Amino acid sequence: MVEQENPQCRFCMGLLIGGVLGALAGIFFAPKSGKELRSDIKEKGNEFLKDTKEIYADVGTKAKDIIEEVKHQAKELKKEAEGTGEKIAGEVQEKIGQVQKVFGK
């Protein structure tokens, strides 16, 4: 199966990474004391971790939905294939009967 990335997902990921990098650049270039800087880094790190967990949960939910849809479609295809197989088997039996009539068996 070919994986296709959602453009919205890629945009959100880029936005998240860009935001984090921008925040870090702002923190490092701001004139602050070491204690304030460490506090800001810790705070931004916690925000990043929270955002990452939310994205992970969202991706997990979407993956479960996709898996369920694939299972449903596989069941439907299996039913369709079984029905087609039975139809073909019936037609073959009919043709065999016609051939037997022609050859008198």
Protein backbone atom coordinates (compact mmCIF):
# COMPACT_ATOMS: atom_id res chain seq x y z
CA MET A 1 0.00 0.00 0.00
CA VAL A 2 1.36 3.41 -0.93
CA GLU A 3 1.57 5.87 1.90
CA GLN A 4 0.14 9.29 1.16
CA GLU A 5 0.84 12.15 3.52
CA ASN A 6 -1.92 14.60 4.25
CA PRO A 7 -0.81 18.12 3.18
CA GLN A 8 -2.56 19.59 6.24
CA CYS A 9 -0.60 17.27 8.51
CA ARG A 10 2.67 18.32 6.89
CA PHE A 11 1.72 21.99 7.25
CA CYS A 12 0.84 21.56 10.94
CA MET A 13 4.09 19.71 11.59
CA GLY A 14 6.07 22.46 9.86
CA LEU A 15 4.16 25.10 11.80
CA LEU A 16 4.90 23.32 15.08
CA ILE A 17 8.61 22.89 14.33
CA GLY A 18 8.91 26.48 13.08
CA GLY A 19 7.17 27.77 16.19
CA VAL A 20 9.48 25.85 18.48
CA LEU A 21 12.59 26.99 16.61
CA GLY A 22 11.37 30.59 16.63
CA ALA A 23 10.65 30.44 20.34
CA LEU A 24 14.08 28.99 21.05
CA ALA A 25 15.76 31.67 18.93
CA GLY A 26 13.85 34.35 20.83
CA ILE A 27 14.84 32.86 24.16
CA PHE A 28 18.52 32.58 23.29
CA PHE A 29 18.82 36.09 21.87
CA ALA A 30 16.82 37.81 24.62
CA PRO A 31 18.87 39.61 27.27
CA LYS A 32 18.03 37.49 30.32
CA SER A 33 19.88 36.01 33.23
CA GLY A 34 20.85 32.35 33.22
CA LYS A 35 18.15 31.49 35.75
CA GLU A 36 15.42 33.20 33.70
CA LEU A 37 16.74 31.59 30.52
CA ARG A 38 16.68 28.10 32.04
CA SER A 39 13.16 28.73 33.33
CA ASP A 40 12.00 29.84 29.88
CA ILE A 41 13.64 26.84 28.20
CA LYS A 42 11.95 24.49 30.68
CA GLU A 43 8.58 26.17 30.08
CA LYS A 44 8.90 26.02 26.29
CA GLY A 45 10.06 22.42 26.51
CA ASN A 46 6.96 21.52 28.52
CA GLU A 47 4.74 23.29 25.97
CA PHE A 48 6.45 21.43 23.14
CA LEU A 49 5.99 18.11 24.94
CA LYS A 50 2.29 18.85 25.52
CA ASP A 51 1.79 19.75 21.85
CA THR A 52 3.64 16.62 20.76
CA LYS A 53 1.45 14.43 22.98
CA GLU A 54 -1.69 16.00 21.50
CA ILE A 55 -0.48 15.38 17.95
CA TYR A 56 0.45 11.79 18.85
CA ALA A 57 -3.02 11.17 20.31
CA ASP A 58 -4.68 12.67 17.22
CA VAL A 59 -2.57 10.56 14.87
CA GLY A 60 -3.36 7.45 16.93
CA THR A 61 -7.08 8.11 16.71
CA LYS A 62 -6.94 8.70 12.96
CA ALA A 63 -4.87 5.54 12.49
CA LYS A 64 -7.45 3.49 14.40
CA ASP A 65 -10.24 4.92 12.24
CA ILE A 66 -8.33 4.07 9.07
CA ILE A 67 -7.63 0.53 10.29
CA GLU A 68 -11.31 -0.02 11.07
CA GLU A 69 -12.32 1.26 7.63
CA VAL A 70 -9.79 -1.03 5.94
CA LYS A 71 -11.08 -4.02 7.93
CA HIS A 72 -14.65 -3.19 6.91
CA GLN A 73 -13.71 -2.86 3.25
CA ALA A 74 -11.75 -6.12 3.39
CA LYS A 75 -14.80 -7.93 4.78
CA GLU A 76 -16.99 -6.48 2.04
CA LEU A 77 -14.51 -7.52 -0.65
CA LYS A 78 -14.32 -11.01 0.83
CA LYS A 79 -18.13 -11.33 0.73
CA GLU A 80 -18.18 -10.07 -2.84
CA ALA A 81 -15.44 -12.48 -3.89
CA GLU A 82 -17.22 -15.42 -2.26
CA GLY A 83 -20.46 -14.48 -4.04
CA THR A 84 -18.67 -14.19 -7.36
CA GLY A 85 -16.93 -17.53 -6.78
CA GLU A 86 -20.24 -19.23 -6.07
CA LYS A 87 -21.78 -17.65 -9.18
CA ILE A 88 -18.89 -18.83 -11.34
CA ALA A 89 -19.06 -22.33 -9.84
CA GLY A 90 -22.77 -22.46 -10.68
CA GLU A 91 -22.13 -21.37 -14.25
CA VAL A 92 -19.37 -23.97 -14.62
CA GLN A 93 -21.71 -26.70 -13.36
CA GLU A 94 -24.34 -25.53 -15.84
CA LYS A 95 -21.85 -25.65 -18.73
CA ILE A 96 -20.70 -29.11 -17.65
CA GLY A 97 -24.31 -30.24 -17.72
CA GLN A 98 -24.75 -28.85 -21.22
CA VAL A 99 -21.56 -30.55 -22.43
CA GLN A 100 -22.70 -33.85 -20.92
CA LYS A 101 -26.04 -33.54 -22.72
CA VAL A 102 -24.23 -32.93 -26.02
CA PHE A 103 -21.97 -35.97 -25.59
CA GLY A 104 -24.74 -38.11 -24.11
CA LYS A 105 -23.17 -38.92 -20.76
